[in-house]
Amino acid sequence: MSVDDIVKLLLAGSFSFAIIGISYALIRFVQKATLIMEDVRLPIQNVGSLSDMALEDYQSIRGLIKTVANLASGLNGYLEDPMKIIKSFSKLLRRS
């Protein structure tokens, strides 16, 4: 074996080691990127569940406001014309 052969073997070994090192670094990079994606996905799921809860609250409050508005408009109609109260009360008494 000549010196040139030994240098060629050392050069081939160093390239192999460099390729293995780069592959290992890429594997670690991909693993860290995967962990970051999992950490980002959790808050996004929490935001989704919070928006669902807010929508449910909005719908229940909307129904409550609609009921109160209907009740207020009905009372307003009776208070504008006091005779309506008397007429409806007399109708109830006649049915009995």
PDB file of N, CA and C in Angstrom:
ATOM      1  N   MET A   1       0.844  -1.178   0.000  1.00  0.00           N
ATOM      2  CA  MET A   1       0.000   0.000   0.000  1.00  0.00           C
ATOM      3  C   MET A   1       0.891   1.243   0.000  1.00  0.00           C
ATOM      4  N   SER A   2       0.523   2.097  -0.889  1.00  0.00           N
ATOM      5  CA  SER A   2       1.302   3.330  -0.970  1.00  0.00           C
ATOM      6  C   SER A   2       0.631   4.427  -0.142  1.00  0.00           C
ATOM      7  N   VAL A   3       1.266   5.520  -0.067  1.00  0.00           N
ATOM      8  CA  VAL A   3       0.750   6.668   0.692  1.00  0.00           C
ATOM      9  C   VAL A   3      -0.523   7.182   0.044  1.00  0.00           C
ATOM     10  N   ASP A   4      -0.578   7.150  -1.277  1.00  0.00           N
ATOM     11  CA  ASP A   4      -1.774   7.618  -1.980  1.00  0.00           C
ATOM     12  C   ASP A   4      -3.000   6.760  -1.607  1.00  0.00           C
ATOM     13  N   ASP A   5      -2.809   5.460  -1.492  1.00  0.00           N
ATOM     14  CA  ASP A   5      -3.919   4.579  -1.110  1.00  0.00           C
ATOM     15  C   ASP A   5      -4.393   4.878   0.306  1.00  0.00           C
ATOM     16  N   ILE A   6      -3.475   5.125   1.196  1.00  0.00           N
ATOM     17  CA  ILE A   6      -3.838   5.440   2.591  1.00  0.00           C
ATOM     18  C   ILE A   6      -4.591   6.772   2.657  1.00  0.00           C
ATOM     19  N   VAL A   7      -4.141   7.747   1.897  1.00  0.00           N
ATOM     20  CA  VAL A   7      -4.822   9.050   1.870  1.00  0.00           C
ATOM     21  C   VAL A   7      -6.221   8.895   1.289  1.00  0.00           C
ATOM     22  N   LYS A   8      -6.333   8.072   0.240  1.00  0.00           N
ATOM     23  CA  LYS A   8      -7.654   7.838  -0.346  1.00  0.00           C
ATOM     24  C   LYS A   8      -8.587   7.163   0.663  1.00  0.00           C
ATOM     25  N   LEU A   9      -8.084   6.193   1.419  1.00  0.00           N
ATOM     26  CA  LEU A   9      -8.904   5.532   2.439  1.00  0.00           C
ATOM     27  C   LEU A   9      -9.310   6.507   3.544  1.00  0.00           C
ATOM     28  N   LEU A  10      -8.381   7.346   3.962  1.00  0.00           N
ATOM     29  CA  LEU A  10      -8.711   8.349   4.987  1.00  0.00           C
ATOM     30  C   LEU A  10      -9.738   9.351   4.467  1.00  0.00           C
ATOM     31  N   LEU A  11      -9.591   9.740   3.219  1.00  0.00           N
ATOM     32  CA  LEU A  11     -10.546  10.671   2.616  1.00  0.00           C
ATOM     33  C   LEU A  11     -11.930  10.034   2.504  1.00  0.00           C
ATOM     34  N   ALA A  12     -11.999   8.783   2.093  1.00  0.00           N
ATOM     35  CA  ALA A  12     -13.283   8.077   1.999  1.00  0.00           C
ATOM     36  C   ALA A  12     -13.905   7.923   3.382  1.00  0.00           C
ATOM     37  N   GLY A  13     -13.092   7.614   4.381  1.00  0.00           N
ATOM     38  CA  GLY A  13     -13.607   7.492   5.749  1.00  0.00           C
ATOM     39  C   GLY A  13     -14.114   8.810   6.293  1.00  0.00           C
ATOM     40  N   SER A  14     -13.402   9.904   5.995  1.00  0.00           N
ATOM     41  CA  SER A  14     -13.854  11.211   6.481  1.00  0.00           C
ATOM     42  C   SER A  14     -15.148  11.631   5.798  1.00  0.00           C
ATOM     43  N   PHE A  15     -15.297  11.357   4.485  1.00  0.00           N
ATOM     44  CA  PHE A  15     -16.560  11.655   3.802  1.00  0.00           C
ATOM     45  C   PHE A  15     -17.706  10.827   4.379  1.00  0.00           C
ATOM     46  N   SER A  16     -17.436   9.566   4.666  1.00  0.00           N
ATOM     47  CA  SER A  16     -18.474   8.710   5.253  1.00  0.00           C
ATOM     48  C   SER A  16     -18.894   9.242   6.617  1.00  0.00           C
ATOM     49  N   PHE A  17     -17.919   9.620   7.422  1.00  0.00           N
ATOM     50  CA  PHE A  17     -18.218  10.163   8.744  1.00  0.00           C
ATOM     51  C   PHE A  17     -18.997  11.470   8.627  1.00  0.00           C
ATOM     52  N   ALA A  18     -18.656  12.316   7.661  1.00  0.00           N
ATOM     53  CA  ALA A  18     -19.366  13.584   7.452  1.00  0.00           C
ATOM     54  C   ALA A  18     -20.813  13.329   7.038  1.00  0.00           C
ATOM     55  N   ILE A  19     -21.022  12.359   6.162  1.00  0.00           N
ATOM     56  CA  ILE A  19     -22.385  12.032   5.724  1.00  0.00           C
ATOM     57  C   ILE A  19     -23.194  11.509   6.905  1.00  0.00           C
ATOM     58  N   ILE A  20     -22.597  10.668   7.735  1.00  0.00           N
ATOM     59  CA  ILE A  20     -23.294  10.150   8.920  1.00  0.00           C
ATOM     60  C   ILE A  20     -23.612  11.287   9.883  1.00  0.00           C
ATOM     61  N   GLY A  21     -22.679  12.209  10.083  1.00  0.00           N
ATOM     62  CA  GLY A  21     -22.921  13.352  10.972  1.00  0.00           C
ATOM     63  C   GLY A  21     -24.039  14.250  10.477  1.00  0.00           C
ATOM     64  N   ILE A  22     -24.044  14.521   9.175  1.00  0.00           N
ATOM     65  CA  ILE A  22     -25.107  15.352   8.599  1.00  0.00           C
ATOM     66  C   ILE A  22     -26.457  14.647   8.714  1.00  0.00           C
ATOM     67  N   SER A  23     -26.492  13.353   8.491  1.00  0.00           N
ATOM     68  CA  SER A  23     -27.742  12.587   8.612  1.00  0.00           C
ATOM     69  C   SER A  23     -28.267  12.639  10.044  1.00  0.00           C
ATOM     70  N   TYR A  24     -27.369  12.490  11.010  1.00  0.00           N
ATOM     71  CA  TYR A  24     -27.767  12.546  12.419  1.00  0.00           C
ATOM     72  C   TYR A  24     -28.321  13.925  12.769  1.00  0.00           C
ATOM     73  N   ALA A  25     -27.688  14.983  12.274  1.00  0.00           N
ATOM     74  CA  ALA A  25     -28.175  16.347  12.538  1.00  0.00           C
ATOM     75  C   ALA A  25     -29.548  16.570  11.912  1.00  0.00           C
ATOM     76  N   LEU A  26     -29.750  16.048  10.704  1.00  0.00           N
ATOM     77  CA  LEU A  26     -31.059  16.179  10.054  1.00  0.00           C
ATOM     78  C   LEU A  26     -32.138  15.421  10.818  1.00  0.00           C
ATOM     79  N   ILE A  27     -31.783  14.247  11.333  1.00  0.00           N
ATOM     80  CA  ILE A  27     -32.759  13.465  12.113  1.00  0.00           C
ATOM     81  C   ILE A  27     -33.162  14.241  13.366  1.00  0.00           C
ATOM     82  N   ARG A  28     -32.196  14.826  14.058  1.00  0.00           N
ATOM     83  CA  ARG A  28     -32.506  15.610  15.254  1.00  0.00           C
ATOM     84  C   ARG A  28     -33.360  16.826  14.911  1.00  0.00           C
ATOM     85  N   PHE A  29     -33.066  17.472  13.776  1.00  0.00           N
ATOM     86  CA  PHE A  29     -33.836  18.627  13.336  1.00  0.00           C
ATOM     87  C   PHE A  29     -35.292  18.239  13.063  1.00  0.00           C
ATOM     88  N   VAL A  30     -35.486  17.123  12.382  1.00  0.00           N
ATOM     89  CA  VAL A  30     -36.847  16.671  12.078  1.00  0.00           C
ATOM     90  C   VAL A  30     -37.593  16.319  13.366  1.00  0.00           C
ATOM     91  N   GLN A  31     -36.920  15.683  14.321  1.00  0.00           N
ATOM     92  CA  GLN A  31     -37.566  15.352  15.593  1.00  0.00           C
ATOM     93  C   GLN A  31     -37.985  16.608  16.348  1.00  0.00           C
ATOM     94  N   LYS A  32     -37.105  17.608  16.392  1.00  0.00           N
ATOM     95  CA  LYS A  32     -37.456  18.850  17.081  1.00  0.00           C
ATOM     96  C   LYS A  32     -38.591  19.572  16.373  1.00  0.00           C
ATOM     97  N   ALA A  33     -38.582  19.554  15.046  1.00  0.00           N
ATOM     98  CA  ALA A  33     -39.673  20.181  14.291  1.00  0.00           C
ATOM     99  C   ALA A  33     -40.998  19.477  14.569  1.00  0.00           C
ATOM    100  N   THR A  34     -40.964  18.166  14.701  1.00  0.00           N
ATOM    101  CA  THR A  34     -42.170  17.409  15.015  1.00  0.00           C
ATOM    102  C   THR A  34     -42.687  17.764  16.410  1.00  0.00           C
ATOM    103  N   LEU A  35     -41.802  17.884  17.369  1.00  0.00           N
ATOM    104  CA  LEU A  35     -42.211  18.265  18.725  1.00  0.00           C
ATOM    105  C   LEU A  35     -42.798  19.670  18.753  1.00  0.00           C
ATOM    106  N   ILE A  36     -42.212  20.580  17.997  1.00  0.00           N
ATOM    107  CA  ILE A  36     -42.747  21.947  17.939  1.00  0.00           C
ATOM    108  C   ILE A  36     -44.132  21.940  17.325  1.00  0.00           C
ATOM    109  N   MET A  37     -44.334  21.141  16.284  1.00  0.00           N
ATOM    110  CA  MET A  37     -45.656  21.056  15.658  1.00  0.00           C
ATOM    111  C   MET A  37     -46.697  20.510  16.626  1.00  0.00           C
ATOM    112  N   GLU A  38     -46.326  19.535  17.430  1.00  0.00           N
ATOM    113  CA  GLU A  38     -47.251  18.994  18.428  1.00  0.00           C
ATOM    114  C   GLU A  38     -47.581  20.049  19.478  1.00  0.00           C
ATOM    115  N   ASP A  39     -46.581  20.845  19.886  1.00  0.00           N
ATOM    116  CA  ASP A  39     -46.828  21.901  20.856  1.00  0.00           C
ATOM    117  C   ASP A  39     -47.716  22.994  20.291  1.00  0.00           C
ATOM    118  N   VAL A  40     -47.614  23.269  18.999  1.00  0.00           N
ATOM    119  CA  VAL A  40     -48.444  24.293  18.368  1.00  0.00           C
ATOM    120  C   VAL A  40     -49.869  23.774  18.176  1.00  0.00           C
ATOM    121  N   ARG A  41     -50.011  22.501  17.922  1.00  0.00           N
ATOM    122  CA  ARG A  41     -51.338  21.921  17.665  1.00  0.00           C
ATOM    123  C   ARG A  41     -52.228  21.963  18.906  1.00  0.00           C
ATOM    124  N   LEU A  42     -51.674  21.797  20.083  1.00  0.00           N
ATOM    125  CA  LEU A  42     -52.457  21.792  21.317  1.00  0.00           C
ATOM    126  C   LEU A  42     -53.152  23.128  21.572  1.00  0.00           C
ATOM    127  N   PRO A  43     -52.461  24.282  21.508  1.00  0.00           N
ATOM    128  CA  PRO A  43     -53.184  25.545  21.694  1.00  0.00           C
ATOM    129  C   PRO A  43     -54.238  25.794  20.619  1.00  0.00           C
ATOM    130  N   ILE A  44     -53.983  25.330  19.410  1.00  0.00           N
ATOM    131  CA  ILE A  44     -54.978  25.511  18.351  1.00  0.00           C
ATOM    132  C   ILE A  44     -56.243  24.717  18.684  1.00  0.00           C
ATOM    133  N   GLN A  45     -56.083  23.512  19.233  1.00  0.00           N
ATOM    134  CA  GLN A  45     -57.245  22.729  19.653  1.00  0.00           C
ATOM    135  C   GLN A  45     -57.975  23.429  20.796  1.00  0.00           C
ATOM    136  N   ASN A  46     -57.219  24.031  21.722  1.00  0.00           N
ATOM    137  CA  ASN A  46     -57.845  24.749  22.830  1.00  0.00           C
ATOM    138  C   ASN A  46     -58.631  25.953  22.332  1.00  0.00           C
ATOM    139  N   VAL A  47     -58.097  26.655  21.340  1.00  0.00           N
ATOM    140  CA  VAL A  47     -58.814  27.798  20.777  1.00  0.00           C
ATOM    141  C   VAL A  47     -60.101  27.319  20.114  1.00  0.00           C
ATOM    142  N   GLY A  48     -60.051  26.183  19.451  1.00  0.00           N
ATOM    143  CA  GLY A  48     -61.257  25.634  18.828  1.00  0.00           C
ATOM    144  C   GLY A  48     -62.325  25.292  19.848  1.00  0.00           C
ATOM    145  N   SER A  49     -61.931  24.667  20.958  1.00  0.00           N
ATOM    146  CA  SER A  49     -62.921  24.324  21.983  1.00  0.00           C
ATOM    147  C   SER A  49     -63.447  25.577  22.674  1.00  0.00           C
ATOM    148  N   LEU A  50     -62.590  26.594  22.859  1.00  0.00           N
ATOM    149  CA  LEU A  50     -63.058  27.851  23.452  1.00  0.00           C
ATOM    150  C   LEU A  50     -64.055  28.548  22.538  1.00  0.00           C
ATOM    151  N   SER A  51     -63.819  28.520  21.236  1.00  0.00           N
ATOM    152  CA  SER A  51     -64.761  29.148  20.311  1.00  0.00           C
ATOM    153  C   SER A  51     -66.088  28.389  20.289  1.00  0.00           C
ATOM    154  N   ASP A  52     -66.047  27.068  20.425  1.00  0.00           N
ATOM    155  CA  ASP A  52     -67.291  26.297  20.508  1.00  0.00           C
ATOM    156  C   ASP A  52     -68.076  26.663  21.766  1.00  0.00           C
ATOM    157  N   MET A  53     -67.375  26.797  22.882  1.00  0.00           N
ATOM    158  CA  MET A  53     -68.037  27.181  24.134  1.00  0.00           C
ATOM    159  C   MET A  53     -68.616  28.591  24.031  1.00  0.00           C
ATOM    160  N   ALA A  54     -67.880  29.507  23.401  1.00  0.00           N
ATOM    161  CA  ALA A  54     -68.378  30.870  23.233  1.00  0.00           C
ATOM    162  C   ALA A  54     -69.614  30.888  22.347  1.00  0.00           C
ATOM    163  N   LEU A  55     -69.637  30.049  21.317  1.00  0.00           N
ATOM    164  CA  LEU A  55     -70.803  29.979  20.441  1.00  0.00           C
ATOM    165  C   LEU A  55     -72.021  29.460  21.191  1.00  0.00           C
ATOM    166  N   GLU A  56     -71.823  28.441  22.034  1.00  0.00           N
ATOM    167  CA  GLU A  56     -72.933  27.919  22.832  1.00  0.00           C
ATOM    168  C   GLU A  56     -73.454  28.987  23.790  1.00  0.00           C
ATOM    169  N   ASP A  57     -72.542  29.724  24.437  1.00  0.00           N
ATOM    170  CA  ASP A  57     -72.960  30.799  25.335  1.00  0.00           C
ATOM    171  C   ASP A  57     -73.713  31.880  24.574  1.00  0.00           C
ATOM    172  N   TYR A  58     -73.219  32.225  23.388  1.00  0.00           N
ATOM    173  CA  TYR A  58     -73.884  33.242  22.576  1.00  0.00           C
ATOM    174  C   TYR A  58     -75.302  32.806  22.212  1.00  0.00           C
ATOM    175  N   GLN A  59     -75.457  31.537  21.832  1.00  0.00           N
ATOM    176  CA  GLN A  59     -76.781  31.059  21.454  1.00  0.00           C
ATOM    177  C   GLN A  59     -77.737  31.058  22.636  1.00  0.00           C
ATOM    178  N   SER A  60     -77.257  30.662  23.819  1.00  0.00           N
ATOM    179  CA  SER A  60     -78.139  30.655  24.983  1.00  0.00           C
ATOM    180  C   SER A  60     -78.505  32.076  25.401  1.00  0.00           C
ATOM    181  N   ILE A  61     -77.545  32.998  25.349  1.00  0.00           N
ATOM    182  CA  ILE A  61     -77.844  34.392  25.698  1.00  0.00           C
ATOM    183  C   ILE A  61     -78.780  35.010  24.667  1.00  0.00           C
ATOM    184  N   ARG A  62     -78.587  34.655  23.407  1.00  0.00           N
ATOM    185  CA  ARG A  62     -79.469  35.167  22.358  1.00  0.00           C
ATOM    186  C   ARG A  62     -80.906  34.697  22.585  1.00  0.00           C
ATOM    187  N   GLY A  63     -81.064  33.422  22.942  1.00  0.00           N
ATOM    188  CA  GLY A  63     -82.405  32.914  23.231  1.00  0.00           C
ATOM    189  C   GLY A  63     -83.027  33.596  24.428  1.00  0.00           C
ATOM    190  N   LEU A  64     -82.221  33.836  25.460  1.00  0.00           N
ATOM    191  CA  LEU A  64     -82.721  34.513  26.655  1.00  0.00           C
ATOM    192  C   LEU A  64     -83.151  35.940  26.338  1.00  0.00           C
ATOM    193  N   ILE A  65     -82.341  36.651  25.564  1.00  0.00           N
ATOM    194  CA  ILE A  65     -82.694  38.027  25.190  1.00  0.00           C
ATOM    195  C   ILE A  65     -83.950  38.045  24.330  1.00  0.00           C
ATOM    196  N   LYS A  66     -84.074  37.076  23.446  1.00  0.00           N
ATOM    197  CA  LYS A  66     -85.274  37.009  22.597  1.00  0.00           C
ATOM    198  C   LYS A  66     -86.523  36.759  23.443  1.00  0.00           C
ATOM    199  N   THR A  67     -86.400  35.880  24.441  1.00  0.00           N
ATOM    200  CA  THR A  67     -87.533  35.603  25.324  1.00  0.00           C
ATOM    201  C   THR A  67     -87.912  36.842  26.126  1.00  0.00           C
ATOM    202  N   VAL A  68     -86.924  37.531  26.662  1.00  0.00           N
ATOM    203  CA  VAL A  68     -87.194  38.744  27.438  1.00  0.00           C
ATOM    204  C   VAL A  68     -87.805  39.820  26.554  1.00  0.00           C
ATOM    205  N   ALA A  69     -87.333  39.942  25.323  1.00  0.00           N
ATOM    206  CA  ALA A  69     -87.887  40.940  24.399  1.00  0.00           C
ATOM    207  C   ALA A  69     -89.340  40.614  24.068  1.00  0.00           C
ATOM    208  N   ASN A  70     -89.645  39.344  23.835  1.00  0.00           N
ATOM    209  CA  ASN A  70     -91.035  38.957  23.558  1.00  0.00           C
ATOM    210  C   ASN A  70     -91.927  39.219  24.767  1.00  0.00           C
ATOM    211  N   LEU A  71     -91.418  38.919  25.941  1.00  0.00           N
ATOM    212  CA  LEU A  71     -92.179  39.170  27.168  1.00  0.00           C
ATOM    213  C   LEU A  71     -92.409  40.662  27.360  1.00  0.00           C
ATOM    214  N   ALA A  72     -91.379  41.461  27.115  1.00  0.00           N
ATOM    215  CA  ALA A  72     -91.512  42.910  27.280  1.00  0.00           C
ATOM    216  C   ALA A  72     -92.474  43.485  26.250  1.00  0.00           C
ATOM    217  N   SER A  73     -92.430  43.000  25.019  1.00  0.00           N
ATOM    218  CA  SER A  73     -93.362  43.520  24.015  1.00  0.00           C
ATOM    219  C   SER A  73     -94.794  43.116  24.345  1.00  0.00           C
ATOM    220  N   GLY A  74     -95.001  41.928  24.905  1.00  0.00           N
ATOM    221  CA  GLY A  74     -96.338  41.515  25.314  1.00  0.00           C
ATOM    222  C   GLY A  74     -96.858  42.355  26.472  1.00  0.00           C
ATOM    223  N   LEU A  75     -95.995  42.608  27.441  1.00  0.00           N
ATOM    224  CA  LEU A  75     -96.399  43.463  28.564  1.00  0.00           C
ATOM    225  C   LEU A  75     -96.629  44.891  28.105  1.00  0.00           C
ATOM    226  N   ASN A  76     -95.836  45.342  27.168  1.00  0.00           N
ATOM    227  CA  ASN A  76     -95.993  46.695  26.655  1.00  0.00           C
ATOM    228  C   ASN A  76     -97.358  46.841  25.983  1.00  0.00           C
ATOM    229  N   GLY A  77     -97.777  45.817  25.252  1.00  0.00           N
ATOM    230  CA  GLY A  77     -99.090  45.855  24.612  1.00  0.00           C
ATOM    231  C   GLY A  77    -100.212  45.915  25.631  1.00  0.00           C
ATOM    232  N   TYR A  78    -100.071  45.198  26.727  1.00  0.00           N
ATOM    233  CA  TYR A  78    -101.105  45.234  27.763  1.00  0.00           C
ATOM    234  C   TYR A  78    -101.093  46.545  28.531  1.00  0.00           C
ATOM    235  N   LEU A  79     -99.924  47.111  28.742  1.00  0.00           N
ATOM    236  CA  LEU A  79     -99.845  48.356  29.496  1.00  0.00           C
ATOM    237  C   LEU A  79    -100.275  49.558  28.671  1.00  0.00           C
ATOM    238  N   GLU A  80    -100.148  49.490  27.345  1.00  0.00           N
ATOM    239  CA  GLU A  80    -100.608  50.590  26.503  1.00  0.00           C
ATOM    240  C   GLU A  80    -102.133  50.675  26.508  1.00  0.00           C
ATOM    241  N   ASP A  81    -102.778  49.552  26.530  1.00  0.00           N
ATOM    242  CA  ASP A  81    -104.246  49.535  26.520  1.00  0.00           C
ATOM    243  C   ASP A  81    -104.721  48.729  27.726  1.00  0.00           C
ATOM    244  N   PRO A  82    -105.033  49.404  28.848  1.00  0.00           N
ATOM    245  CA  PRO A  82    -105.451  48.671  30.045  1.00  0.00           C
ATOM    246  C   PRO A  82    -106.726  47.861  29.832  1.00  0.00           C
ATOM    247  N   MET A  83    -107.485  48.219  28.841  1.00  0.00           N
ATOM    248  CA  MET A  83    -108.717  47.475  28.584  1.00  0.00           C
ATOM    249  C   MET A  83    -108.405  46.059  28.088  1.00  0.00           C
ATOM    250  N   LYS A  84    -107.258  45.845  27.491  1.00  0.00           N
ATOM    251  CA  LYS A  84    -106.889  44.503  27.043  1.00  0.00           C
ATOM    252  C   LYS A  84    -106.792  43.553  28.230  1.00  0.00           C
ATOM    253  N   ILE A  85    -106.268  44.049  29.335  1.00  0.00           N
ATOM    254  CA  ILE A  85    -106.144  43.213  30.529  1.00  0.00           C
ATOM    255  C   ILE A  85    -107.525  42.806  31.015  1.00  0.00           C
ATOM    256  N   ILE A  86    -108.405  43.766  31.049  1.00  0.00           N
ATOM    257  CA  ILE A  86    -109.771  43.482  31.530  1.00  0.00           C
ATOM    258  C   ILE A  86    -110.477  42.532  30.573  1.00  0.00           C
ATOM    259  N   LYS A  87    -110.334  42.755  29.261  1.00  0.00           N
ATOM    260  CA  LYS A  87    -110.977  41.889  28.269  1.00  0.00           C
ATOM    261  C   LYS A  87    -110.441  40.464  28.358  1.00  0.00           C
ATOM    262  N   SER A  88    -109.112  40.318  28.462  1.00  0.00           N
ATOM    263  CA  SER A  88    -108.557  38.972  28.539  1.00  0.00           C
ATOM    264  C   SER A  88    -108.945  38.290  29.844  1.00  0.00           C
ATOM    265  N   PHE A  89    -109.005  39.038  30.910  1.00  0.00           N
ATOM    266  CA  PHE A  89    -109.419  38.455  32.195  1.00  0.00           C
ATOM    267  C   PHE A  89    -110.872  38.030  32.132  1.00  0.00           C
ATOM    268  N   SER A  90    -111.734  38.849  31.497  1.00  0.00           N
ATOM    269  CA  SER A  90    -113.154  38.487  31.393  1.00  0.00           C
ATOM    270  C   SER A  90    -113.333  37.253  30.484  1.00  0.00           C
ATOM    271  N   LYS A  91    -112.505  37.144  29.445  1.00  0.00           N
ATOM    272  CA  LYS A  91    -112.579  35.956  28.579  1.00  0.00           C
ATOM    273  C   LYS A  91    -112.212  34.706  29.366  1.00  0.00           C
ATOM    274  N   LEU A  92    -111.198  34.831  30.219  1.00  0.00           N
ATOM    275  CA  LEU A  92    -110.820  33.688  31.037  1.00  0.00           C
ATOM    276  C   LEU A  92    -111.938  33.316  32.002  1.00  0.00           C
ATOM    277  N   LEU A  93    -112.608  34.297  32.553  1.00  0.00           N
ATOM    278  CA  LEU A  93    -113.700  33.999  33.481  1.00  0.00           C
ATOM    279  C   LEU A  93    -114.883  33.375  32.761  1.00  0.00           C
ATOM    280  N   ARG A  94    -115.170  33.801  31.538  1.00  0.00           N
ATOM    281  CA  ARG A  94    -116.285  33.236  30.775  1.00  0.00           C
ATOM    282  C   ARG A  94    -116.035  31.786  30.402  1.00  0.00           C
ATOM    283  N   ARG A  95    -114.757  31.436  30.135  1.00  0.00           N
ATOM    284  CA  ARG A  95    -114.433  30.067  29.770  1.00  0.00           C
ATOM    285  C   ARG A  95    -114.574  29.152  30.969  1.00  0.00           C
ATOM    286  N   SER A  96    -114.412  29.660  32.164  1.00  0.00           N
ATOM    287  CA  SER A  96    -114.453  28.822  33.356  1.00  0.00           C
ATOM    288  C   SER A  96    -115.826  28.400  33.727  1.00  0.00           C
TER     289      SER A  96
END
